[in-house]
Every structure is written in structure tokens, then in C-alpha cells.
Amino acid sequence: MPQPTFGARGVLVDAVAMAVREAWAVEAGARRNYVATTLRRLVGDALADQALVAALKLLDLQPAAPTGDIEPPATALLSLCARCKQIKLREQRRPYRGKIHMEVLRDAEWMRRQFERLGRTDQDLAEDLQCHLKSVTQWRNRHGILPHKSNRKYMDPERLHRLIHVDRLAPGEIAEKLECDAATVQRWARQLGVVRTYKEHAHHTEAWWRERVHAGWTYYRMAEAAGIKKHSVFWHLRKWGLYTRKGSRASLPRYPQLYEAEWLARALDGTTEYARVAREVGCSASTVKFAAVKLGLVAPKNPPRPTPWVHDPAWYHERLARRMTAEQMAAEVGLQAKSVLNYMIALDVAPEYYRLVERWHAEELAKTRERIARRVSMVAT
């Protein structure tokens, strides 16, 4: 081990302070011997013998760390380098831009002791060092240090199992109880084997949504409780037939007289004189024609093909009776499966479809298990 080199006055004081602080970390009966050993390691035998008496007196005056004392790392506040055991020069002791807390957070050994041995939290260190909480979390992650298990409530599999399967709470509600976010709850529930898929969470069941809709919860509150975005709430409500539109945002027509079927029929009188009616109303002829076509008074030039899947629930009931899935219906009419699902949601057919699909999957799974069991029995015989 190289002998320390002195570059400024007062470094012996730092060595004594380091020896006393390191002695606080061992058992009470071994502290005096630890002070002598540390001094010899830091400053050599000659200086250690001269400073040992003073160091032991300091240890006797304060045999343990006082309450609220923050253990400083050797690289941050002391003049002795913890790696090469060389005394730092004066200009080398100054932390970058005077940010002492950043020098402390860079010390991996000190950080590891705070979390793994002392069981402290990010908030505790942020308050002691008077820095931002995110700075502590960032440097803890860089050092690969996990917070103490007592401070991670979401890592308890028994607690997660009770909240998810017994209390039937959604990830957002669980996150509020465990003081974390919904994504953390979902991630650790998968890692600990509490759930196999995300669909086992409570907010993927009809009962969870129906209970909160009847309780008068707002869309924002349901989104926060489920741990999802607000636009996803409407998808879940439509899926279970719980979404009721409270009116259209569209404004009233600019010419409401044109949308009175009896008046427009008398004005046209079986003709297509749209210009005459337009002069009377004060609009264009194309506006009159558009209203006439929309009210069914005039046949459109290119009539659309029949689309019973847009407005007729019976069309879906007939195909569900034939055990057709949304993908098969979409292939029949030339649409995407997502469009067919959206039409079923609008016609309140989606809840029945999802229940039937779950039953079909259960029946197929039972048949597959029986088939495998027969093959196994044949091989065994």
C-alpha cells in the first residue's frame, strides 16, 4: 500500500475523523483497536502513534454516532481518497460546483450501506442532503441498488393477492394504497406470479365497471382507479353495454325548415326544382337536395349497398347462433374485425358476443384436454 502524501495542512485531522467514524460502524468492544488499525493504515505507523491518544480521547468523548448524524463517504467530505489512500490536494477536495450532495450520491459503497444495511428511503436521503428526490433515485438506479424491502409494499405477494383476487381492486386503487403507480402494481403482480395475464385484474370484469357506474363515478375517477387513460374508459363501458350517450355535440342545422319533411315535400311538390326552394329559404340548391335525400324524399343518385351489420342487431344474432367470430363476420362483408366490433358495441351486441366467445374458448379448451388425455392413455396402454 503506498504511503500517503500530504499536500495541505490539516489532513491528519481528517484521518482521525475517518478512523473514529469507521470505528462507530463496528461492535463497541472492538472500536479502540479499530481506531489504531485504521490510523496506521491511513497515515503510517509514525504519525499514527502520535495521533492515537487524541483519537482515543475523541472516541471516549463520543463513543457512538449522535442521533441524526449522516455518515459521510470518504470521497465526499474527507481529504483522503478511499481508492488509492492518498491525501487529496486542496483543489482536489472541492466538489464540482460546490455540490456536495452530488459527490455523496456518486459514492456507491456509501449509498449501498444507506439502503441495504440502514434501510433508508430515497426521501430520507433527499431530505438529509437537501436535494431533489429524483436525484437520489437516479443515482441509486445507476449503482444498481434496490430500496429496502420494508419500503416496497408492492413486492409482497400475499398483500397483492389479497388486494387483487379477494378485495377485487383495480391497479390504480391498489397503487394508491401501496404508494406507487399502477404500472408498478401490474409489473410486480406478473413477476411475482399473482396474475398470469393482465385480464385477471378487476377492471377487466363487468361487475367492477357496473358497480362504479351505479355509484356515480366520473370518467376521470374511473380512469384513475383502473390505471388507464380516459379514452379507454369509453371502450370498456361500450364493451359491457354501460355507456349511454347524453346527447350529440353537433349544432342544430343552419336551415331547420329544410329538415321538416312535410314542408319540404309540399315545397318540392314531386319535382326537383331545388333552385326555386333555395331562393325561398335563402340557401344553395345543393343544400336543398342534400336535405331531400337525407329525409328520403328523393332517391340518391348512387344508392348505397345494403349494410344490415350497421343498424340491424338481428344480423349479428343470426351469425352468433352459427358460432361465427368477429373475424369471420368481417371476412364475409369485407371489413376489418375492429370495425365489426365497433358496430356490435354501438348496437349493444358486444356484451353477448364476449360472453359467447369466452364460453366457446372454454369448450374448445375442455375438448383439447380430453383429446390429450385420450392420447396419453393410449400411449400408456
Protein backbone atom coordinates (compact mmCIF):
# COMPACT_ATOMS: atom_id res chain seq x y z
CA MET A 1 0.00 0.00 0.00
CA PRO A 2 1.53 3.38 -0.94
CA GLN A 3 2.29 5.82 1.83
CA PRO A 4 0.03 8.88 1.91
CA THR A 5 1.44 12.12 0.60
CA PHE A 6 0.47 15.35 2.28
CA GLY A 7 -0.48 18.25 0.06
CA ALA A 8 -2.01 20.68 2.60
CA ARG A 9 -2.22 21.30 6.32
CA GLY A 10 -4.90 19.71 8.47
CA VAL A 11 -5.14 16.35 6.69
CA LEU A 12 -4.22 14.49 9.88
CA VAL A 13 -7.43 15.75 11.42
CA ASP A 14 -9.37 14.22 8.54
CA ALA A 15 -7.61 10.88 9.05
CA VAL A 16 -8.55 10.88 12.77
CA ALA A 17 -12.14 11.73 11.88
CA MET A 18 -12.27 8.89 9.37
CA ALA A 19 -10.84 6.43 11.90
CA VAL A 20 -13.40 7.42 14.56
CA ARG A 21 -16.28 7.23 12.10
CA GLU A 22 -15.22 3.80 10.85
CA ALA A 23 -14.95 2.62 14.47
CA TRP A 24 -18.59 3.62 15.07
CA ALA A 25 -19.66 1.03 12.50
CA VAL A 26 -18.16 -1.96 14.43
CA GLU A 27 -19.03 -3.52 17.79
CA ALA A 28 -18.41 -1.45 20.92
CA GLY A 29 -15.71 -3.75 22.32
CA ALA A 30 -13.57 -3.58 19.18
CA ARG A 31 -13.74 0.14 18.49
CA ARG A 32 -10.50 1.20 20.22
CA ASN A 33 -8.41 -1.40 18.38
CA TYR A 34 -10.18 -0.49 15.14
CA VAL A 35 -9.17 3.18 15.59
CA ALA A 36 -5.49 2.24 15.94
CA THR A 37 -5.59 -0.12 12.97
CA THR A 38 -7.32 2.46 10.75
CA LEU A 39 -4.89 5.23 11.69
CA ARG A 40 -1.88 3.08 10.83
CA ARG A 41 -3.48 2.19 7.51
CA LEU A 42 -4.19 5.81 6.66
CA VAL A 43 -1.16 7.82 7.84
CA GLY A 44 1.52 5.25 8.66
CA ASP A 45 2.95 3.98 11.93
CA ALA A 46 4.92 7.10 12.92
CA LEU A 47 2.05 9.58 12.70
CA ALA A 48 -0.46 7.02 13.96
CA ASP A 49 1.40 6.61 17.27
CA GLN A 50 1.42 10.38 17.80
CA ALA A 51 -2.28 10.88 16.96
CA LEU A 52 -3.61 7.71 18.58
CA VAL A 53 -4.01 9.21 22.07
CA ALA A 54 -6.02 12.16 20.73
CA ALA A 55 -8.13 9.85 18.58
CA LEU A 56 -8.96 7.58 21.54
CA LYS A 57 -9.90 10.60 23.66
CA LEU A 58 -12.31 11.71 20.95
CA LEU A 59 -13.74 8.20 20.79
CA ASP A 60 -14.24 8.16 24.59
CA LEU A 61 -15.98 11.55 24.46
CA GLN A 62 -18.35 10.33 21.75
CA PRO A 63 -18.32 6.51 21.57
CA ALA A 64 -21.19 6.32 19.06
CA ALA A 65 -22.70 8.43 16.31
CA PRO A 66 -25.15 11.05 17.63
CA THR A 67 -28.82 10.93 16.73
CA GLY A 68 -29.50 12.30 13.26
CA ASP A 69 -25.87 12.05 12.16
CA ILE A 70 -25.34 11.46 8.45
CA GLU A 71 -22.46 9.14 7.70
CA PRO A 72 -20.27 10.91 5.09
CA PRO A 73 -18.50 8.93 2.37
CA ALA A 74 -14.73 9.19 2.29
CA THR A 75 -14.77 10.61 -1.23
CA ALA A 76 -17.08 13.49 -0.41
CA LEU A 77 -16.13 15.28 2.80
CA LEU A 78 -12.71 13.96 3.82
CA SER A 79 -9.30 14.67 2.34
CA LEU A 80 -8.22 11.05 2.00
CA CYS A 81 -9.03 9.21 -1.23
CA ALA A 82 -10.78 5.93 -0.44
CA ARG A 83 -9.38 4.20 -3.54
CA CYS A 84 -5.65 4.93 -3.56
CA LYS A 85 -5.34 6.03 0.09
CA GLN A 86 -3.61 9.24 -0.99
CA ILE A 87 -4.19 12.57 0.72
CA LYS A 88 -6.03 14.92 -1.64
CA LEU A 89 -4.66 18.32 -2.50
CA ARG A 90 -6.69 21.32 -1.53
CA GLU A 91 -8.01 21.90 -5.04
CA GLN A 92 -8.95 18.21 -5.28
CA ARG A 93 -11.19 18.35 -2.22
CA ARG A 94 -13.64 20.82 -3.68
CA PRO A 95 -16.76 19.17 -5.06
CA TYR A 96 -17.85 20.06 -8.57
CA ARG A 97 -19.54 23.48 -8.47
CA GLY A 98 -19.83 23.15 -4.70
CA LYS A 99 -22.50 20.41 -4.94
CA ILE A 100 -21.54 18.22 -2.01
CA HIS A 101 -24.67 16.10 -2.28
CA MET A 102 -23.70 15.06 -5.83
CA GLU A 103 -20.33 13.81 -4.56
CA VAL A 104 -22.16 11.84 -1.88
CA LEU A 105 -24.59 10.27 -4.35
CA ARG A 106 -21.70 9.17 -6.60
CA ASP A 107 -20.24 7.02 -3.79
CA ALA A 108 -21.67 3.55 -4.48
CA GLU A 109 -20.46 1.99 -1.23
CA TRP A 110 -21.99 4.72 0.91
CA MET A 111 -25.26 4.54 -0.99
CA ARG A 112 -25.37 0.75 -0.68
CA ARG A 113 -24.87 0.97 3.09
CA GLN A 114 -27.69 3.51 3.46
CA PHE A 115 -30.22 1.34 1.64
CA GLU A 116 -29.18 -2.25 2.33
CA ARG A 117 -27.88 -2.02 5.90
CA LEU A 118 -29.65 1.02 7.36
CA GLY A 119 -32.92 0.54 5.46
CA ARG A 120 -33.29 4.19 4.50
CA THR A 121 -35.50 5.52 1.71
CA ASP A 122 -34.97 7.92 -1.18
CA GLN A 123 -36.99 10.54 0.65
CA ASP A 124 -34.77 10.26 3.75
CA LEU A 125 -31.59 10.86 1.78
CA ALA A 126 -33.16 13.69 -0.22
CA GLU A 127 -34.11 15.49 3.00
CA ASP A 128 -30.69 14.95 4.59
CA LEU A 129 -28.73 16.07 1.53
CA GLN A 130 -31.22 18.83 0.66
CA CYS A 131 -31.52 17.72 -2.94
CA HIS A 132 -34.31 16.57 -5.22
CA LEU A 133 -35.88 13.14 -4.74
CA LYS A 134 -35.31 12.26 -8.40
CA SER A 135 -31.56 12.83 -7.99
CA VAL A 136 -31.38 10.20 -5.25
CA THR A 137 -33.49 7.74 -7.26
CA GLN A 138 -31.40 8.29 -10.40
CA TRP A 139 -28.08 7.62 -8.69
CA ARG A 140 -29.48 4.64 -6.76
CA ASN A 141 -30.57 3.09 -10.06
CA ARG A 142 -27.17 3.81 -11.63
CA HIS A 143 -25.45 1.95 -8.79
CA GLY A 144 -27.89 -0.96 -9.21
CA ILE A 145 -29.19 -0.64 -5.64
CA LEU A 146 -32.75 -1.69 -4.78
CA PRO A 147 -34.57 0.06 -1.93
CA HIS A 148 -35.03 -1.84 1.29
CA LYS A 149 -37.78 -4.45 1.10
CA SER A 150 -39.62 -2.95 4.07
CA ASN A 151 -40.13 0.17 1.93
CA ARG A 152 -41.52 -1.71 -1.06
CA LYS A 153 -45.05 -2.71 -0.16
CA TYR A 154 -45.86 -3.73 -3.74
CA MET A 155 -43.30 -6.58 -3.57
CA ASP A 156 -45.33 -8.55 -1.02
CA PRO A 157 -47.10 -11.35 -2.99
CA GLU A 158 -49.59 -12.10 -0.20
CA ARG A 159 -50.69 -8.49 0.00
CA LEU A 160 -51.01 -8.21 -3.78
CA HIS A 161 -53.00 -11.46 -3.94
CA ARG A 162 -55.43 -10.21 -1.30
CA LEU A 163 -55.94 -6.82 -2.97
CA ILE A 164 -56.32 -8.24 -6.50
CA HIS A 165 -58.24 -11.51 -6.01
CA VAL A 166 -60.04 -11.04 -2.67
CA ASP A 167 -60.77 -7.31 -2.46
CA ARG A 168 -61.09 -7.10 -6.30
CA LEU A 169 -59.40 -3.72 -6.59
CA ALA A 170 -58.03 -2.30 -9.84
CA PRO A 171 -54.34 -1.38 -10.29
CA GLY A 172 -54.97 2.32 -9.71
CA GLU A 173 -56.77 1.68 -6.42
CA ILE A 174 -54.02 -0.69 -5.28
CA ALA A 175 -51.33 1.83 -6.25
CA GLU A 176 -52.97 4.46 -4.05
CA LYS A 177 -52.84 2.08 -1.07
CA LEU A 178 -49.24 0.96 -1.70
CA GLU A 179 -47.91 4.44 -2.55
CA CYS A 180 -46.72 3.67 -6.09
CA ASP A 181 -48.11 3.87 -9.62
CA ALA A 182 -50.47 1.49 -11.42
CA ALA A 183 -47.77 0.28 -13.85
CA THR A 184 -45.62 -0.83 -10.91
CA VAL A 185 -48.52 -2.84 -9.47
CA GLN A 186 -49.17 -4.59 -12.78
CA ARG A 187 -45.47 -5.32 -13.37
CA TRP A 188 -44.81 -6.82 -9.93
CA ALA A 189 -48.08 -8.78 -9.98
CA ARG A 190 -46.82 -10.51 -13.13
CA GLN A 191 -43.28 -11.02 -11.82
CA LEU A 192 -44.46 -12.50 -8.51
CA GLY A 193 -46.96 -14.81 -10.23
CA VAL A 194 -50.01 -13.22 -8.61
CA VAL A 195 -51.64 -12.87 -12.05
CA ARG A 196 -50.82 -14.69 -15.27
CA THR A 197 -52.31 -12.14 -17.68
CA TYR A 198 -53.45 -8.55 -17.34
CA LYS A 199 -57.08 -9.66 -17.86
CA GLU A 200 -57.13 -11.11 -14.34
CA HIS A 201 -57.24 -7.60 -12.89
CA ALA A 202 -60.59 -6.42 -11.56
CA HIS A 203 -61.11 -3.65 -14.13
CA HIS A 204 -61.42 -6.28 -16.88
CA THR A 205 -64.70 -7.59 -15.41
CA GLU A 206 -68.22 -6.32 -15.93
CA ALA A 207 -69.02 -6.24 -12.19
CA TRP A 208 -66.22 -3.75 -11.46
CA TRP A 209 -67.45 -1.26 -14.05
CA ARG A 210 -71.14 -1.73 -13.26
CA GLU A 211 -70.55 -1.10 -9.55
CA ARG A 212 -68.73 2.18 -10.18
CA VAL A 213 -71.16 3.39 -12.84
CA HIS A 214 -74.09 2.85 -10.46
CA ALA A 215 -72.11 4.65 -7.72
CA GLY A 216 -71.97 7.73 -9.96
CA TRP A 217 -68.21 7.80 -10.57
CA THR A 218 -66.94 10.22 -13.20
CA TYR A 219 -64.93 9.06 -16.20
CA TYR A 220 -61.77 10.66 -14.80
CA ARG A 221 -62.18 8.90 -11.46
CA MET A 222 -62.74 5.51 -13.13
CA ALA A 223 -59.69 6.04 -15.36
CA GLU A 224 -57.51 6.86 -12.36
CA ALA A 225 -58.82 3.88 -10.39
CA ALA A 226 -58.23 1.47 -13.28
CA GLY A 227 -54.82 2.94 -14.12
CA ILE A 228 -55.77 3.67 -17.76
CA LYS A 229 -56.36 6.69 -19.98
CA LYS A 230 -59.75 8.39 -20.10
CA HIS A 231 -60.46 7.39 -23.71
CA SER A 232 -60.02 3.72 -22.71
CA VAL A 233 -62.85 4.10 -20.20
CA PHE A 234 -65.36 4.57 -23.02
CA TRP A 235 -64.10 1.38 -24.68
CA HIS A 236 -64.67 -0.65 -21.51
CA LEU A 237 -68.11 0.89 -20.94
CA ARG A 238 -69.20 0.12 -24.51
CA LYS A 239 -67.81 -3.39 -24.17
CA TRP A 240 -70.15 -4.15 -21.27
CA GLY A 241 -73.10 -2.10 -22.57
CA LEU A 242 -72.80 0.58 -19.85
CA TYR A 243 -72.10 3.64 -21.99
CA THR A 244 -75.08 5.95 -22.54
CA ARG A 245 -74.50 8.98 -24.72
CA LYS A 246 -76.02 12.11 -23.19
CA GLY A 247 -76.61 13.90 -26.45
CA SER A 248 -74.73 14.93 -29.56
CA ARG A 249 -72.29 17.81 -29.63
CA ALA A 250 -73.34 18.64 -33.18
CA SER A 251 -75.05 22.01 -33.58
CA LEU A 252 -78.53 22.44 -34.94
CA PRO A 253 -78.87 22.62 -38.76
CA ARG A 254 -78.41 26.07 -40.23
CA TYR A 255 -81.70 25.83 -42.12
CA PRO A 256 -84.04 23.85 -39.84
CA GLN A 257 -87.00 24.49 -42.16
CA LEU A 258 -85.43 22.19 -44.76
CA TYR A 259 -85.48 19.29 -42.30
CA GLU A 260 -89.26 19.48 -41.80
CA ALA A 261 -90.34 16.60 -44.04
CA GLU A 262 -93.94 17.76 -44.62
CA TRP A 263 -92.94 21.32 -45.53
CA LEU A 264 -90.16 20.25 -47.89
CA ALA A 265 -92.44 17.69 -49.61
CA ARG A 266 -95.08 20.39 -50.26
CA ALA A 267 -92.40 22.82 -51.48
CA LEU A 268 -90.94 20.39 -53.96
CA ASP A 269 -94.37 19.02 -54.96
CA GLY A 270 -92.85 15.91 -56.56
CA THR A 271 -90.36 17.89 -58.66
CA THR A 272 -86.63 18.52 -58.45
CA GLU A 273 -86.80 22.31 -58.59
CA TYR A 274 -84.20 22.77 -55.87
CA ALA A 275 -83.25 26.27 -57.04
CA ARG A 276 -86.79 27.58 -56.50
CA VAL A 277 -86.92 26.25 -52.95
CA ALA A 278 -83.39 27.51 -52.31
CA ARG A 279 -84.40 31.10 -53.28
CA GLU A 280 -87.32 30.88 -50.90
CA VAL A 281 -85.21 29.64 -47.98
CA GLY A 282 -82.08 31.67 -48.80
CA CYS A 283 -79.60 28.85 -49.34
CA SER A 284 -78.00 26.97 -52.23
CA ALA A 285 -79.70 24.36 -54.37
CA SER A 286 -77.27 21.66 -53.28
CA THR A 287 -78.30 22.27 -49.64
CA VAL A 288 -81.94 21.65 -50.54
CA LYS A 289 -81.02 18.47 -52.45
CA PHE A 290 -78.94 17.21 -49.51
CA ALA A 291 -81.87 17.69 -47.12
CA ALA A 292 -84.31 15.99 -49.52
CA VAL A 293 -82.03 12.96 -49.91
CA LYS A 294 -81.44 12.74 -46.15
CA LEU A 295 -85.19 12.82 -45.43
CA GLY A 296 -85.85 10.16 -48.09
CA LEU A 297 -87.95 12.41 -50.35
CA VAL A 298 -85.61 11.87 -53.29
CA ALA A 299 -83.73 8.72 -54.21
CA PRO A 300 -79.95 9.21 -54.18
CA LYS A 301 -78.07 9.07 -57.45
CA ASN A 302 -75.85 6.20 -56.25
CA PRO A 303 -77.80 4.30 -53.61
CA PRO A 304 -75.53 2.58 -51.07
CA ARG A 305 -75.45 -1.17 -50.86
CA PRO A 306 -77.45 -2.79 -48.07
CA THR A 307 -75.49 -2.75 -44.81
CA PRO A 308 -77.54 -4.63 -42.22
CA TRP A 309 -74.48 -5.02 -39.98
CA VAL A 310 -74.58 -1.25 -39.34
CA HIS A 311 -78.09 -0.99 -37.89
CA ASP A 312 -79.61 -4.47 -37.54
CA PRO A 313 -78.79 -6.46 -34.34
CA ALA A 314 -80.63 -9.48 -35.79
CA TRP A 315 -77.88 -9.81 -38.40
CA TYR A 316 -75.38 -10.40 -35.59
CA HIS A 317 -77.66 -12.71 -33.59
CA GLU A 318 -78.09 -14.93 -36.63
CA ARG A 319 -74.33 -15.30 -37.07
CA LEU A 320 -73.68 -15.76 -33.37
CA ALA A 321 -76.10 -18.66 -33.45
CA ARG A 322 -73.82 -20.17 -36.13
CA ARG A 323 -70.81 -19.62 -33.80
CA MET A 324 -69.16 -17.07 -36.08
CA THR A 325 -66.45 -14.83 -34.64
CA ALA A 326 -65.89 -11.16 -35.43
CA GLU A 327 -63.05 -12.09 -37.79
CA GLN A 328 -65.33 -14.42 -39.77
CA MET A 329 -68.09 -11.78 -39.96
CA ALA A 330 -65.57 -9.20 -41.15
CA ALA A 331 -64.33 -11.55 -43.88
CA GLU A 332 -67.93 -12.11 -45.03
CA VAL A 333 -68.72 -8.39 -45.54
CA GLY A 334 -65.21 -7.21 -46.48
CA LEU A 335 -64.43 -5.15 -43.37
CA GLN A 336 -61.83 -5.15 -40.63
CA ALA A 337 -62.60 -7.12 -37.47
CA LYS A 338 -62.20 -3.93 -35.41
CA SER A 339 -64.99 -2.25 -37.46
CA VAL A 340 -67.33 -5.17 -36.83
CA LEU A 341 -66.59 -4.96 -33.09
CA ASN A 342 -67.33 -1.22 -33.12
CA TYR A 343 -70.70 -1.87 -34.80
CA MET A 344 -71.53 -4.53 -32.20
CA ILE A 345 -70.65 -2.07 -29.42
CA ALA A 346 -72.94 0.58 -30.94
CA LEU A 347 -75.82 -1.94 -31.21
CA ASP A 348 -75.26 -3.34 -27.66
CA VAL A 349 -74.40 -6.77 -29.05
CA ALA A 350 -70.82 -6.73 -27.77
CA PRO A 351 -71.54 -7.98 -24.19
CA GLU A 352 -73.35 -11.04 -25.53
CA TYR A 353 -70.56 -11.64 -28.07
CA TYR A 354 -67.80 -11.56 -25.43
CA ARG A 355 -69.72 -13.95 -23.16
CA LEU A 356 -70.24 -16.39 -26.04
CA VAL A 357 -66.58 -16.19 -27.08
CA GLU A 358 -65.47 -16.98 -23.52
CA ARG A 359 -67.82 -19.97 -23.44
CA TRP A 360 -66.60 -21.18 -26.84
CA HIS A 361 -62.99 -20.93 -25.71
CA ALA A 362 -63.79 -22.88 -22.54
CA GLU A 363 -65.50 -25.61 -24.57
CA GLU A 364 -62.57 -25.82 -27.00
CA LEU A 365 -60.13 -26.00 -24.11
CA ALA A 366 -62.12 -28.81 -22.49
CA LYS A 367 -62.21 -30.73 -25.78
CA THR A 368 -58.46 -30.27 -26.22
CA ARG A 369 -57.79 -31.58 -22.72
CA GLU A 370 -59.98 -34.63 -23.34
CA ARG A 371 -58.20 -35.32 -26.63
CA ILE A 372 -54.78 -35.08 -24.95
CA ALA A 373 -55.94 -37.33 -22.10
CA ARG A 374 -57.12 -39.98 -24.61
CA ARG A 375 -53.78 -39.87 -26.41
CA VAL A 376 -51.87 -40.19 -23.15
CA SER A 377 -53.97 -43.17 -22.11
CA MET A 378 -53.43 -44.83 -25.49
CA VAL A 379 -49.67 -44.35 -25.23
CA ALA A 380 -49.67 -45.72 -21.65
CA THR A 381 -51.56 -48.84 -22.71
